[in-house]
Amino acid sequence: MDGYALRAADTRDGGVDLAVVGRVAAGSLPRRALGRGEAMRIFTGAPLPEGADAVVPQEDVAAEGDRVRVAARVARGACVRPAGEDVRAGDLVLEPGHALGPAEVGLLATLGHARVAVGRRPRVAILSTGNELADLGTEPGPGQIANTNTYSLLAQVREAGGEALNLGVAPDRLEAIEARVRRAWPPTCSCRRRASRSASSTSCARRSRAPGRSCISGRSRCAPASRSRSARSGAGRSSACPATRSRRW
């Protein structure tokens, strides 16, 4: 607030003339304390001089030379933002696991944190398997359909803040699927394989292995993903599940 810093007690009766004894701009410090019957020119963002407890806007005073007339009573704390108004010492500002957006980054910068510990973005590789799948950019052959689920899953991963890797389409051959999985593992943290709904195709995807992997779970009691499999290798995880095809009418 651009105006005049003063002692609220000096305006108790209203209609008071105060001596202007200095000025303080943003980024500078007052050169002296404020005494009784005195005011100091002050600008937005500047620290309040010692002895002052309020600011009156420049529109509400009549200034002439080194004196200023305040017509009405000014309340203590008027137009002043006290230290700790936004965040007090000891306040918890962000819970662990809180997603960082523009507001949170600005808050951290305000508090002087140039570096903070964060969780790494999950990296997810998407692999579709099935002889009946034709990837985008290629013409589907007889009995084939377009590989659409891969791109839907890639978009979902990115929307959730993850890093997505497209492993394309692998035919229903164990060695072909394993070769694609090795491309992603490591360094990806998760590999998602979308198999066709047939038992043979899903079986190939479930039996594919990368070095050092261990199985976590097999079949699940849910449809259409009952023939699902999940495995782990170090910090990463792989899962295979059958796909539900969309139909066009």
Protein backbone atom coordinates (compact mmCIF):
# COMPACT_ATOMS: atom_id res chain seq x y z
CA MET A 1 0.00 0.00 0.00
CA ASP A 2 1.45 3.37 -1.02
CA GLY A 3 0.81 5.87 1.74
CA TYR A 4 2.16 6.98 5.11
CA ALA A 5 3.30 4.86 8.03
CA LEU A 6 2.19 6.26 11.37
CA ARG A 7 1.25 5.51 14.96
CA ALA A 8 -2.47 4.71 15.16
CA ALA A 9 -2.63 6.34 18.60
CA ASP A 10 -1.76 9.72 17.04
CA THR A 11 -5.00 9.62 15.01
CA ARG A 12 -7.26 8.72 17.93
CA ASP A 13 -9.15 12.01 17.75
CA GLY A 14 -8.94 12.38 13.94
CA GLY A 15 -7.99 15.54 12.06
CA VAL A 16 -4.30 15.40 12.96
CA ASP A 17 -1.26 16.94 11.27
CA LEU A 18 1.88 14.79 11.28
CA ALA A 19 5.48 15.64 10.42
CA VAL A 20 6.89 13.58 7.53
CA VAL A 21 10.35 12.53 8.69
CA GLY A 22 11.47 10.24 5.88
CA ARG A 23 10.55 7.69 3.27
CA VAL A 24 11.03 3.97 2.85
CA ALA A 25 10.76 2.13 -0.46
CA ALA A 26 10.46 -1.58 -1.20
CA GLY A 27 13.82 -3.28 -0.86
CA SER A 28 15.21 -0.70 1.59
CA LEU A 29 15.14 -0.26 5.37
CA PRO A 30 13.89 2.75 7.36
CA ARG A 31 16.75 4.98 8.55
CA ARG A 32 15.17 5.72 11.91
CA ALA A 33 12.30 4.84 14.20
CA LEU A 34 9.01 6.72 14.15
CA GLY A 35 8.17 8.96 17.09
CA ARG A 36 5.02 10.55 18.41
CA GLY A 37 3.37 12.96 15.97
CA GLU A 38 5.45 11.69 13.06
CA ALA A 39 4.75 9.87 9.78
CA MET A 40 6.94 8.34 7.12
CA ARG A 41 6.26 8.02 3.38
CA ILE A 42 6.03 4.32 2.55
CA PHE A 43 5.55 2.27 -0.61
CA THR A 44 4.04 -1.15 -1.30
CA GLY A 45 6.28 -3.98 -0.11
CA ALA A 46 8.44 -1.84 2.16
CA PRO A 47 9.08 -2.84 5.80
CA LEU A 48 7.25 -0.88 8.47
CA PRO A 49 9.52 1.46 10.45
CA GLU A 50 9.95 0.79 14.15
CA GLY A 51 7.30 2.60 16.17
CA ALA A 52 4.70 2.56 13.37
CA ASP A 53 1.71 0.21 13.59
CA ALA A 54 -0.51 1.30 10.68
CA VAL A 55 -0.46 2.73 7.16
CA VAL A 56 -2.91 5.25 5.76
CA PRO A 57 -3.37 5.21 1.94
CA GLN A 58 -2.06 8.28 0.14
CA GLU A 59 -5.56 8.87 -1.27
CA ASP A 60 -6.89 9.48 2.26
CA VAL A 61 -4.48 12.24 3.30
CA ALA A 62 -3.60 15.79 2.33
CA ALA A 63 0.16 16.22 1.95
CA GLU A 64 1.87 19.59 1.88
CA GLY A 65 5.62 19.96 2.10
CA ASP A 66 6.99 17.97 5.02
CA ARG A 67 3.61 17.60 6.70
CA VAL A 68 0.58 15.39 6.09
CA ARG A 69 -2.96 15.78 7.41
CA VAL A 70 -4.94 12.68 8.36
CA ALA A 71 -8.65 13.50 8.52
CA ALA A 72 -10.00 10.29 10.09
CA ARG A 73 -8.97 7.84 12.76
CA VAL A 74 -6.72 5.00 11.55
CA ALA A 75 -7.04 1.58 13.16
CA ARG A 76 -3.99 -0.21 14.45
CA GLY A 77 -2.74 -2.71 11.84
CA ALA A 78 -4.53 -0.98 8.95
CA CYS A 79 -2.96 -1.79 5.55
CA VAL A 80 -0.23 -3.83 7.24
CA ARG A 81 0.60 -7.46 6.51
CA PRO A 82 2.27 -8.92 9.61
CA ALA A 83 5.09 -11.43 9.39
CA GLY A 84 3.73 -14.98 9.40
CA GLU A 85 0.35 -13.99 7.96
CA ASP A 86 0.58 -16.59 5.17
CA VAL A 87 2.69 -19.23 6.92
CA ARG A 88 3.68 -19.28 10.56
CA ALA A 89 6.90 -20.77 11.89
CA GLY A 90 6.42 -24.50 12.36
CA ASP A 91 3.40 -24.79 10.02
CA LEU A 92 3.20 -27.85 7.75
CA VAL A 93 2.76 -26.43 4.27
CA LEU A 94 2.89 -29.59 2.13
CA GLU A 95 2.11 -33.17 3.13
CA PRO A 96 4.48 -35.93 1.95
CA GLY A 97 3.20 -37.26 -1.37
CA HIS A 98 1.48 -33.99 -2.31
CA ALA A 99 1.61 -33.38 -6.06
CA LEU A 100 3.64 -30.29 -6.98
CA GLY A 101 1.89 -27.81 -9.26
CA PRO A 102 2.55 -24.13 -10.01
CA ALA A 103 1.06 -22.98 -6.68
CA GLU A 104 3.15 -25.45 -4.66
CA VAL A 105 6.35 -24.57 -6.51
CA GLY A 106 5.68 -20.88 -5.85
CA LEU A 107 5.11 -21.59 -2.16
CA LEU A 108 8.36 -23.53 -1.88
CA ALA A 109 10.23 -20.68 -3.58
CA THR A 110 8.62 -18.18 -1.19
CA LEU A 111 9.95 -20.21 1.73
CA GLY A 112 13.44 -20.25 0.23
CA HIS A 113 13.59 -23.91 -0.83
CA ALA A 114 15.73 -24.13 -3.96
CA ARG A 115 15.80 -27.94 -3.86
CA VAL A 116 13.33 -30.44 -2.39
CA ALA A 117 13.18 -34.24 -2.34
CA VAL A 118 10.49 -35.52 -4.69
CA GLY A 119 9.29 -38.87 -5.95
CA ARG A 120 10.44 -39.84 -9.41
CA ARG A 121 7.84 -39.91 -12.17
CA PRO A 122 6.74 -43.48 -12.85
CA ARG A 123 8.02 -44.76 -16.18
CA VAL A 124 5.62 -47.09 -17.93
CA ALA A 125 6.21 -49.08 -21.11
CA ILE A 126 3.15 -50.24 -23.07
CA LEU A 127 3.34 -53.38 -25.21
CA SER A 128 0.42 -54.87 -27.13
CA THR A 129 0.58 -58.49 -28.25
CA GLY A 130 -1.47 -60.40 -30.79
CA ASN A 131 -1.25 -61.49 -34.41
CA GLU A 132 -4.54 -59.75 -35.09
CA LEU A 133 -3.18 -56.27 -34.23
CA ALA A 134 -1.97 -53.77 -36.81
CA ASP A 135 -0.17 -50.73 -35.43
CA LEU A 136 -1.14 -47.22 -36.43
CA GLY A 137 0.46 -46.15 -39.68
CA THR A 138 0.12 -49.62 -41.20
CA GLU A 139 -2.78 -51.03 -43.18
CA PRO A 140 -4.63 -53.82 -41.29
CA GLY A 141 -4.43 -57.12 -43.13
CA PRO A 142 -7.18 -59.71 -43.43
CA GLY A 143 -8.56 -60.52 -39.99
CA GLN A 144 -6.62 -57.71 -38.30
CA ILE A 145 -7.78 -54.70 -36.28
CA ALA A 146 -6.10 -51.41 -35.44
CA ASN A 147 -3.98 -51.27 -32.29
CA THR A 148 -5.91 -48.61 -30.38
CA ASN A 149 -5.55 -49.60 -26.72
CA THR A 150 -1.82 -48.86 -26.69
CA TYR A 151 -2.40 -45.20 -27.48
CA SER A 152 -5.23 -44.88 -25.00
CA LEU A 153 -2.99 -46.32 -22.26
CA LEU A 154 -0.07 -44.08 -23.27
CA ALA A 155 -2.33 -41.04 -22.94
CA GLN A 156 -3.57 -42.20 -19.53
CA VAL A 157 -0.01 -42.62 -18.26
CA ARG A 158 0.96 -39.13 -19.41
CA GLU A 159 -2.23 -37.63 -17.99
CA ALA A 160 -1.37 -39.16 -14.61
CA GLY A 161 2.11 -37.60 -14.72
CA GLY A 162 4.08 -40.65 -15.82
CA GLU A 163 6.64 -41.10 -18.57
CA ALA A 164 5.24 -43.39 -21.27
CA LEU A 165 7.21 -45.60 -23.67
CA ASN A 166 5.52 -47.23 -26.64
CA LEU A 167 6.89 -50.73 -27.31
CA GLY A 168 4.55 -51.21 -30.25
CA VAL A 169 2.98 -54.54 -31.19
CA ALA A 170 4.52 -58.00 -30.77
CA PRO A 171 3.15 -61.10 -32.51
CA ASP A 172 2.03 -64.16 -30.53
CA ARG A 173 5.54 -65.60 -30.29
CA LEU A 174 7.27 -65.94 -26.95
CA GLU A 175 10.69 -64.82 -28.19
CA ALA A 176 9.21 -61.72 -29.86
CA ILE A 177 7.42 -60.68 -26.68
CA GLU A 178 10.50 -61.27 -24.52
CA ALA A 179 12.64 -59.18 -26.88
CA ARG A 180 10.23 -56.25 -26.56
CA VAL A 181 10.09 -56.60 -22.76
CA ARG A 182 13.90 -56.53 -22.52
CA ARG A 183 13.88 -53.19 -24.35
CA ALA A 184 11.93 -51.70 -21.47
CA TRP A 185 13.41 -53.51 -18.47
CA PRO A 186 15.48 -51.83 -17.26
CA PRO A 187 15.24 -48.81 -17.19
CA THR A 188 11.45 -48.51 -17.03
CA CYS A 189 9.77 -48.94 -13.68
CA SER A 190 6.68 -50.61 -15.06
CA CYS A 191 5.87 -52.57 -18.20
CA ARG A 192 2.22 -52.96 -19.15
CA ARG A 193 1.44 -55.63 -21.74
CA ARG A 194 -1.96 -55.71 -23.36
CA ALA A 195 -2.71 -59.10 -24.83
CA SER A 196 -5.63 -60.06 -26.99
CA ARG A 197 -8.54 -61.81 -25.30
CA SER A 198 -7.60 -65.25 -26.57
CA ALA A 199 -6.12 -67.70 -24.10
CA SER A 200 -3.17 -68.52 -26.35
CA SER A 201 -2.14 -64.89 -26.81
CA THR A 202 -2.53 -64.12 -23.11
CA SER A 203 -0.53 -67.24 -22.26
CA CYS A 204 2.40 -66.05 -24.35
CA ALA A 205 2.34 -62.67 -22.65
CA ARG A 206 2.14 -64.26 -19.21
CA ARG A 207 5.03 -66.65 -19.87
CA SER A 208 7.35 -63.98 -21.22
CA ARG A 209 10.25 -63.27 -18.86
CA ALA A 210 13.04 -60.80 -18.31
CA PRO A 211 16.17 -61.66 -16.27
CA GLY A 212 15.71 -61.53 -12.49
CA ARG A 213 11.93 -61.26 -12.49
CA SER A 214 9.71 -62.89 -9.88
CA CYS A 215 5.98 -63.50 -10.14
CA ILE A 216 3.71 -61.53 -7.78
CA SER A 217 0.27 -62.69 -8.83
CA GLY A 218 -1.51 -64.72 -11.49
CA ARG A 219 -5.22 -64.87 -12.23
CA SER A 220 -7.57 -62.31 -10.73
CA ARG A 221 -11.27 -62.39 -9.94
CA CYS A 222 -12.34 -59.62 -12.26
CA ALA A 223 -13.58 -59.35 -15.79
CA PRO A 224 -12.32 -58.92 -18.42
CA ALA A 225 -8.85 -59.09 -16.85
CA SER A 226 -9.11 -62.47 -15.12
CA ARG A 227 -6.12 -63.85 -17.06
CA SER A 228 -3.73 -61.28 -15.62
CA ARG A 229 -0.19 -61.63 -14.34
CA SER A 230 2.09 -59.32 -12.36
CA ALA A 231 5.84 -59.68 -11.84
CA ARG A 232 8.67 -57.66 -10.29
CA SER A 233 12.30 -57.04 -11.17
CA GLY A 234 14.18 -54.72 -8.84
CA ALA A 235 12.18 -51.49 -8.57
CA GLY A 236 10.10 -52.25 -11.66
CA ARG A 237 6.94 -54.20 -12.22
CA SER A 238 5.45 -55.98 -15.21
CA SER A 239 1.84 -56.90 -15.77
CA ALA A 240 0.00 -58.70 -18.53
CA CYS A 241 -3.73 -58.53 -19.06
CA PRO A 242 -6.26 -59.33 -21.79
CA ALA A 243 -7.81 -56.49 -23.70
CA THR A 244 -11.41 -55.48 -24.24
CA ARG A 245 -11.93 -54.44 -27.82
CA SER A 246 -14.04 -51.46 -28.71
CA ARG A 247 -16.68 -52.01 -31.36
CA ARG A 248 -17.78 -49.64 -34.08
CA TRP A 249 -21.31 -49.70 -35.43
